[in-house]
């Protein structure tokens, strides 16, 4: 199938560019640090990817819990869409219960994506901070989730899903979606910086 070949090529290009961006950002942050080490950086990096991600450790998330939860669901739907994309690509037929549960999650997650888009469009403070890339990134991912949901029950639309996913893969390294790469490098650098200073992870003391 031509659409599968296009998807495979787009995926290869996406992975190659994202790996380049990842290591470029990772090595760019390894600057000389004269501070005396007070702790190992491993615990800091682990904390950066775990407890530090809690909404109660992030003021912007804590004050906007509905948006935080919607964002989590939106990302979950994207990961689930990629999971199903791989199943479709290799023609793997999962159990019926997985189809039903996945369909429910994708419906909810795409609804969350639409709600996030509407909030950015309606609220003046968000609209003033937004660019075309913010809207387009949301739309293409939301559409990807919708098509992923439809393809579970209607496999005849798989060529359309493959072409859209190909475009999504090619766009990831170019626009806002490349935060999928820089999320990891920024967390690593933050964890290493504060871990070395003994700030992360914070050990609770009794008394």
C-alpha atoms as a PDB file:
ATOM      1  CA  UNK A   1       0.000   0.000   0.000  1.00  0.00           C
ATOM      2  CA  UNK A   2       1.423   3.370  -1.073  1.00  0.00           C
ATOM      3  CA  UNK A   3       0.102   5.143   2.017  1.00  0.00           C
ATOM      4  CA  UNK A   4       2.003   2.687   4.254  1.00  0.00           C
ATOM      5  CA  UNK A   5       5.237   3.373   2.377  1.00  0.00           C
ATOM      6  CA  UNK A   6       4.715   7.118   2.730  1.00  0.00           C
ATOM      7  CA  UNK A   7       4.038   6.646   6.444  1.00  0.00           C
ATOM      8  CA  UNK A   8       7.210   4.604   6.891  1.00  0.00           C
ATOM      9  CA  UNK A   9       9.353   7.219   5.124  1.00  0.00           C
ATOM     10  CA  UNK A  10       7.799  10.062   7.112  1.00  0.00           C
ATOM     11  CA  UNK A  11       8.326   8.180  10.357  1.00  0.00           C
ATOM     12  CA  UNK A  12      11.990   7.585   9.518  1.00  0.00           C
ATOM     13  CA  UNK A  13      12.531  11.263   8.726  1.00  0.00           C
ATOM     14  CA  UNK A  14      10.775  12.277  11.954  1.00  0.00           C
ATOM     15  CA  UNK A  15      12.827   9.949  14.147  1.00  0.00           C
ATOM     16  CA  UNK A  16      16.112  10.980  12.509  1.00  0.00           C
ATOM     17  CA  UNK A  17      15.491  14.710  12.946  1.00  0.00           C
ATOM     18  CA  UNK A  18      14.127  14.312  16.485  1.00  0.00           C
ATOM     19  CA  UNK A  19      17.180  12.293  17.558  1.00  0.00           C
ATOM     20  CA  UNK A  20      19.432  15.011  16.144  1.00  0.00           C
ATOM     21  CA  UNK A  21      17.472  17.702  18.000  1.00  0.00           C
ATOM     22  CA  UNK A  22      17.514  15.662  21.212  1.00  0.00           C
ATOM     23  CA  UNK A  23      21.270  15.144  21.344  1.00  0.00           C
ATOM     24  CA  UNK A  24      21.960  18.685  20.146  1.00  0.00           C
ATOM     25  CA  UNK A  25      19.919  20.100  23.032  1.00  0.00           C
ATOM     26  CA  UNK A  26      21.294  17.555  25.495  1.00  0.00           C
ATOM     27  CA  UNK A  27      24.930  18.340  24.756  1.00  0.00           C
ATOM     28  CA  UNK A  28      24.298  22.101  24.489  1.00  0.00           C
ATOM     29  CA  UNK A  29      23.220  22.101  28.133  1.00  0.00           C
ATOM     30  CA  UNK A  30      26.372  20.399  29.381  1.00  0.00           C
ATOM     31  CA  UNK A  31      28.165  23.606  30.293  1.00  0.00           C
ATOM     32  CA  UNK A  32      30.872  23.846  32.938  1.00  0.00           C
ATOM     33  CA  UNK A  33      29.286  24.134  36.385  1.00  0.00           C
ATOM     34  CA  UNK A  34      31.647  25.436  39.111  1.00  0.00           C
ATOM     35  CA  UNK A  35      29.160  24.757  41.926  1.00  0.00           C
ATOM     36  CA  UNK A  36      30.240  22.189  44.475  1.00  0.00           C
ATOM     37  CA  UNK A  37      28.212  19.025  44.261  1.00  0.00           C
ATOM     38  CA  UNK A  38      26.025  18.395  47.322  1.00  0.00           C
ATOM     39  CA  UNK A  39      24.214  15.370  45.990  1.00  0.00           C
ATOM     40  CA  UNK A  40      24.047  12.972  43.068  1.00  0.00           C
ATOM     41  CA  UNK A  41      22.263  14.179  39.951  1.00  0.00           C
ATOM     42  CA  UNK A  42      20.473  10.866  39.439  1.00  0.00           C
ATOM     43  CA  UNK A  43      17.952  11.524  42.208  1.00  0.00           C
ATOM     44  CA  UNK A  44      17.326  14.997  40.827  1.00  0.00           C
ATOM     45  CA  UNK A  45      16.634  13.710  37.324  1.00  0.00           C
ATOM     46  CA  UNK A  46      14.324  11.004  38.688  1.00  0.00           C
ATOM     47  CA  UNK A  47      12.451  13.619  40.733  1.00  0.00           C
ATOM     48  CA  UNK A  48      12.160  15.893  37.674  1.00  0.00           C
ATOM     49  CA  UNK A  49      10.330  13.156  35.768  1.00  0.00           C
ATOM     50  CA  UNK A  50       8.144  12.020  38.666  1.00  0.00           C
ATOM     51  CA  UNK A  51       7.057  14.094  41.688  1.00  0.00           C
ATOM     52  CA  UNK A  52       8.057  17.403  40.079  1.00  0.00           C
ATOM     53  CA  UNK A  53       5.450  16.756  37.390  1.00  0.00           C
ATOM     54  CA  UNK A  54       2.637  16.760  39.925  1.00  0.00           C
ATOM     55  CA  UNK A  55       0.189  19.653  39.489  1.00  0.00           C
ATOM     56  CA  UNK A  56       0.780  20.534  43.138  1.00  0.00           C
ATOM     57  CA  UNK A  57       4.424  21.220  42.311  1.00  0.00           C
ATOM     58  CA  UNK A  58       3.531  23.434  39.346  1.00  0.00           C
ATOM     59  CA  UNK A  59       1.612  26.622  40.093  1.00  0.00           C
ATOM     60  CA  UNK A  60       0.262  27.020  36.566  1.00  0.00           C
ATOM     61  CA  UNK A  61      -1.200  23.505  36.708  1.00  0.00           C
ATOM     62  CA  UNK A  62      -2.425  23.719  40.310  1.00  0.00           C
ATOM     63  CA  UNK A  63      -4.461  26.832  39.581  1.00  0.00           C
ATOM     64  CA  UNK A  64      -5.971  25.362  36.404  1.00  0.00           C
ATOM     65  CA  UNK A  65      -6.653  21.714  37.245  1.00  0.00           C
ATOM     66  CA  UNK A  66      -9.405  21.167  34.616  1.00  0.00           C
ATOM     67  CA  UNK A  67      -7.042  22.329  31.860  1.00  0.00           C
ATOM     68  CA  UNK A  68      -4.251  20.202  33.335  1.00  0.00           C
ATOM     69  CA  UNK A  69      -6.448  17.090  33.315  1.00  0.00           C
ATOM     70  CA  UNK A  70      -7.666  17.868  29.785  1.00  0.00           C
ATOM     71  CA  UNK A  71      -4.052  18.193  28.677  1.00  0.00           C
ATOM     72  CA  UNK A  72      -3.164  14.850  30.230  1.00  0.00           C
ATOM     73  CA  UNK A  73      -6.090  13.194  28.447  1.00  0.00           C
ATOM     74  CA  UNK A  74      -5.142  14.887  25.172  1.00  0.00           C
ATOM     75  CA  UNK A  75      -1.601  13.534  25.388  1.00  0.00           C
ATOM     76  CA  UNK A  76      -2.866  10.101  26.397  1.00  0.00           C
ATOM     77  CA  UNK A  77      -5.082  10.032  23.320  1.00  0.00           C
ATOM     78  CA  UNK A  78      -2.095  10.894  21.130  1.00  0.00           C
ATOM     79  CA  UNK A  79      -0.025   8.043  22.550  1.00  0.00           C
ATOM     80  CA  UNK A  80      -2.980   5.704  22.098  1.00  0.00           C
ATOM     81  CA  UNK A  81      -3.384   6.895  18.515  1.00  0.00           C
ATOM     82  CA  UNK A  82       0.258   6.058  17.785  1.00  0.00           C
ATOM     83  CA  UNK A  83      -0.242   2.654  19.404  1.00  0.00           C
ATOM     84  CA  UNK A  84      -3.183   1.919  17.120  1.00  0.00           C
ATOM     85  CA  UNK A  85      -1.273   3.291  14.147  1.00  0.00           C
ATOM     86  CA  UNK A  86       1.369   0.624  14.697  1.00  0.00           C
ATOM     87  CA  UNK A  87      -1.298  -2.073  15.032  1.00  0.00           C
ATOM     88  CA  UNK A  88      -2.899  -0.968  11.762  1.00  0.00           C
ATOM     89  CA  UNK A  89       0.467  -0.768  10.014  1.00  0.00           C
ATOM     90  CA  UNK A  90       1.375  -4.350  10.922  1.00  0.00           C
ATOM     91  CA  UNK A  91      -2.218  -5.548  10.469  1.00  0.00           C
ATOM     92  CA  UNK A  92      -2.538  -6.764  14.065  1.00  0.00           C
ATOM     93  CA  UNK A  93      -6.070  -7.459  15.261  1.00  0.00           C
ATOM     94  CA  UNK A  94      -6.423  -6.872  19.045  1.00  0.00           C
ATOM     95  CA  UNK A  95      -9.144  -8.139  21.369  1.00  0.00           C
ATOM     96  CA  UNK A  96     -12.606  -6.579  21.227  1.00  0.00           C
ATOM     97  CA  UNK A  97     -12.323  -5.134  24.734  1.00  0.00           C
ATOM     98  CA  UNK A  98      -9.236  -3.170  23.676  1.00  0.00           C
ATOM     99  CA  UNK A  99     -11.102  -1.747  20.702  1.00  0.00           C
ATOM    100  CA  UNK A 100     -14.000  -0.585  22.847  1.00  0.00           C
ATOM    101  CA  UNK A 101     -11.889   0.935  25.608  1.00  0.00           C
ATOM    102  CA  UNK A 102      -9.560   2.613  23.121  1.00  0.00           C
ATOM    103  CA  UNK A 103     -12.493   4.087  21.242  1.00  0.00           C
ATOM    104  CA  UNK A 104     -13.880   5.568  24.472  1.00  0.00           C
ATOM    105  CA  UNK A 105     -10.519   7.103  25.401  1.00  0.00           C
ATOM    106  CA  UNK A 106      -9.996   8.558  21.913  1.00  0.00           C
ATOM    107  CA  UNK A 107     -13.452  10.142  21.926  1.00  0.00           C
ATOM    108  CA  UNK A 108     -12.748  11.760  25.301  1.00  0.00           C
ATOM    109  CA  UNK A 109      -9.223  12.841  24.381  1.00  0.00           C
ATOM    110  CA  UNK A 110     -10.235  14.396  21.063  1.00  0.00           C
ATOM    111  CA  UNK A 111     -13.008  16.238  22.924  1.00  0.00           C
ATOM    112  CA  UNK A 112     -10.379  17.540  25.331  1.00  0.00           C
ATOM    113  CA  UNK A 113      -8.297  18.696  22.375  1.00  0.00           C
ATOM    114  CA  UNK A 114     -11.275  20.582  20.967  1.00  0.00           C
ATOM    115  CA  UNK A 115     -11.940  22.145  24.379  1.00  0.00           C
ATOM    116  CA  UNK A 116      -8.315  23.265  24.700  1.00  0.00           C
ATOM    117  CA  UNK A 117      -8.502  24.786  21.221  1.00  0.00           C
ATOM    118  CA  UNK A 118     -11.719  26.631  22.100  1.00  0.00           C
ATOM    119  CA  UNK A 119     -10.263  27.928  25.357  1.00  0.00           C
ATOM    120  CA  UNK A 120      -7.201  29.291  23.559  1.00  0.00           C
ATOM    121  CA  UNK A 121      -9.440  30.935  20.979  1.00  0.00           C
ATOM    122  CA  UNK A 122     -11.996  32.405  23.394  1.00  0.00           C
ATOM    123  CA  UNK A 123      -9.893  33.618  26.334  1.00  0.00           C
ATOM    124  CA  UNK A 124      -8.243  36.962  25.441  1.00  0.00           C
ATOM    125  CA  UNK A 125      -5.157  36.348  27.624  1.00  0.00           C
ATOM    126  CA  UNK A 126      -4.468  33.047  25.869  1.00  0.00           C
ATOM    127  CA  UNK A 127      -5.326  34.362  22.436  1.00  0.00           C
ATOM    128  CA  UNK A 128      -2.804  37.178  22.834  1.00  0.00           C
ATOM    129  CA  UNK A 129      -0.048  34.637  23.533  1.00  0.00           C
ATOM    130  CA  UNK A 130      -0.995  32.266  20.726  1.00  0.00           C
ATOM    131  CA  UNK A 131       0.389  31.932  17.233  1.00  0.00           C
ATOM    132  CA  UNK A 132      -0.796  30.058  14.165  1.00  0.00           C
ATOM    133  CA  UNK A 133       1.408  27.105  15.126  1.00  0.00           C
ATOM    134  CA  UNK A 134      -0.446  26.735  18.451  1.00  0.00           C
ATOM    135  CA  UNK A 135      -3.785  26.353  16.689  1.00  0.00           C
ATOM    136  CA  UNK A 136      -2.502  24.216  13.844  1.00  0.00           C
ATOM    137  CA  UNK A 137      -0.663  21.798  16.155  1.00  0.00           C
ATOM    138  CA  UNK A 138      -3.809  21.324  18.197  1.00  0.00           C
ATOM    139  CA  UNK A 139      -5.972  20.799  15.120  1.00  0.00           C
ATOM    140  CA  UNK A 140      -3.754  18.233  13.420  1.00  0.00           C
ATOM    141  CA  UNK A 141      -3.360  16.167  16.596  1.00  0.00           C
ATOM    142  CA  UNK A 142      -7.089  16.348  17.357  1.00  0.00           C
ATOM    143  CA  UNK A 143      -7.885  15.265  13.799  1.00  0.00           C
ATOM    144  CA  UNK A 144      -5.366  12.434  14.134  1.00  0.00           C
ATOM    145  CA  UNK A 145      -7.173  11.206  17.230  1.00  0.00           C
ATOM    146  CA  UNK A 146     -10.574  11.443  15.546  1.00  0.00           C
ATOM    147  CA  UNK A 147      -9.383   9.457  12.536  1.00  0.00           C
ATOM    148  CA  UNK A 148      -7.711   6.945  14.858  1.00  0.00           C
ATOM    149  CA  UNK A 149     -11.056   6.421  16.580  1.00  0.00           C
ATOM    150  CA  UNK A 150     -12.911   6.064  13.272  1.00  0.00           C
ATOM    151  CA  UNK A 151     -10.345   3.632  11.865  1.00  0.00           C
ATOM    152  CA  UNK A 152     -11.000   1.209  14.735  1.00  0.00           C
ATOM    153  CA  UNK A 153     -14.484   0.586  13.405  1.00  0.00           C
ATOM    154  CA  UNK A 154     -13.993   1.537   9.755  1.00  0.00           C
ATOM    155  CA  UNK A 155     -10.659   0.141   8.488  1.00  0.00           C
ATOM    156  CA  UNK A 156     -11.412   1.368   4.963  1.00  0.00           C
ATOM    157  CA  UNK A 157     -10.275   4.857   6.034  1.00  0.00           C
ATOM    158  CA  UNK A 158      -6.804   3.605   6.998  1.00  0.00           C
ATOM    159  CA  UNK A 159      -5.138   5.150   3.899  1.00  0.00           C
ATOM    160  CA  UNK A 160      -6.455   8.554   4.987  1.00  0.00           C
ATOM    161  CA  UNK A 161      -5.166   7.975   8.518  1.00  0.00           C
ATOM    162  CA  UNK A 162      -1.750   6.919   7.204  1.00  0.00           C
ATOM    163  CA  UNK A 163      -1.431  10.042   5.047  1.00  0.00           C
ATOM    164  CA  UNK A 164      -2.478  12.327   7.909  1.00  0.00           C
ATOM    165  CA  UNK A 165      -0.090  10.553  10.277  1.00  0.00           C
ATOM    166  CA  UNK A 166       2.689  10.986   7.700  1.00  0.00           C
ATOM    167  CA  UNK A 167       2.066  14.718   7.629  1.00  0.00           C
ATOM    168  CA  UNK A 168       1.986  14.742  11.436  1.00  0.00           C
ATOM    169  CA  UNK A 169       5.352  12.966  11.624  1.00  0.00           C
ATOM    170  CA  UNK A 170       6.890  15.449   9.202  1.00  0.00           C
ATOM    171  CA  UNK A 171       5.488  18.396  11.163  1.00  0.00           C
ATOM    172  CA  UNK A 172       6.601  17.219  14.618  1.00  0.00           C
ATOM    173  CA  UNK A 173      10.269  18.344  14.279  1.00  0.00           C
ATOM    174  CA  UNK A 174       9.307  21.664  12.705  1.00  0.00           C
ATOM    175  CA  UNK A 175       6.658  23.232  14.904  1.00  0.00           C
ATOM    176  CA  UNK A 176       5.388  23.368  18.449  1.00  0.00           C
ATOM    177  CA  UNK A 177       5.030  19.595  18.557  1.00  0.00           C
ATOM    178  CA  UNK A 178       8.780  19.203  18.883  1.00  0.00           C
ATOM    179  CA  UNK A 179       8.271  19.886  22.582  1.00  0.00           C
ATOM    180  CA  UNK A 180       7.973  16.092  22.602  1.00  0.00           C
ATOM    181  CA  UNK A 181      11.759  16.144  22.210  1.00  0.00           C
ATOM    182  CA  UNK A 182      12.651  19.131  24.370  1.00  0.00           C
ATOM    183  CA  UNK A 183      10.461  17.958  27.249  1.00  0.00           C
ATOM    184  CA  UNK A 184      12.995  15.227  27.954  1.00  0.00           C
ATOM    185  CA  UNK A 185      16.113  17.361  27.556  1.00  0.00           C
ATOM    186  CA  UNK A 186      14.712  20.178  29.707  1.00  0.00           C
ATOM    187  CA  UNK A 187      13.734  17.728  32.468  1.00  0.00           C
ATOM    188  CA  UNK A 188      17.179  16.132  32.369  1.00  0.00           C
ATOM    189  CA  UNK A 189      18.941  19.493  32.632  1.00  0.00           C
ATOM    190  CA  UNK A 190      16.642  20.723  35.403  1.00  0.00           C
ATOM    191  CA  UNK A 191      17.060  17.508  37.377  1.00  0.00           C
ATOM    192  CA  UNK A 192      20.836  17.560  36.982  1.00  0.00           C
ATOM    193  CA  UNK A 193      21.091  21.240  37.968  1.00  0.00           C
ATOM    194  CA  UNK A 194      18.982  21.051  41.118  1.00  0.00           C
ATOM    195  CA  UNK A 195      20.042  17.527  41.966  1.00  0.00           C
ATOM    196  CA  UNK A 196      23.691  18.546  42.097  1.00  0.00           C
ATOM    197  CA  UNK A 197      22.797  21.305  44.548  1.00  0.00           C
ATOM    198  CA  UNK A 198      20.809  18.970  46.763  1.00  0.00           C
ATOM    199  CA  UNK A 199      17.526  20.791  46.063  1.00  0.00           C
ATOM    200  CA  UNK A 200      15.900  17.929  44.127  1.00  0.00           C
ATOM    201  CA  UNK A 201      14.814  15.520  45.387  1.00  0.00           C
ATOM    202  CA  UNK A 202      13.672  17.069  48.657  1.00  0.00           C
ATOM    203  CA  UNK A 203      13.916  14.696  51.579  1.00  0.00           C
ATOM    204  CA  UNK A 204      11.251  15.164  54.235  1.00  0.00           C
ATOM    205  CA  UNK A 205      12.448  15.423  57.807  1.00  0.00           C
ATOM    206  CA  UNK A 206      10.399  14.568  60.854  1.00  0.00           C
ATOM    207  CA  UNK A 207      10.041  17.044  63.707  1.00  0.00           C
END
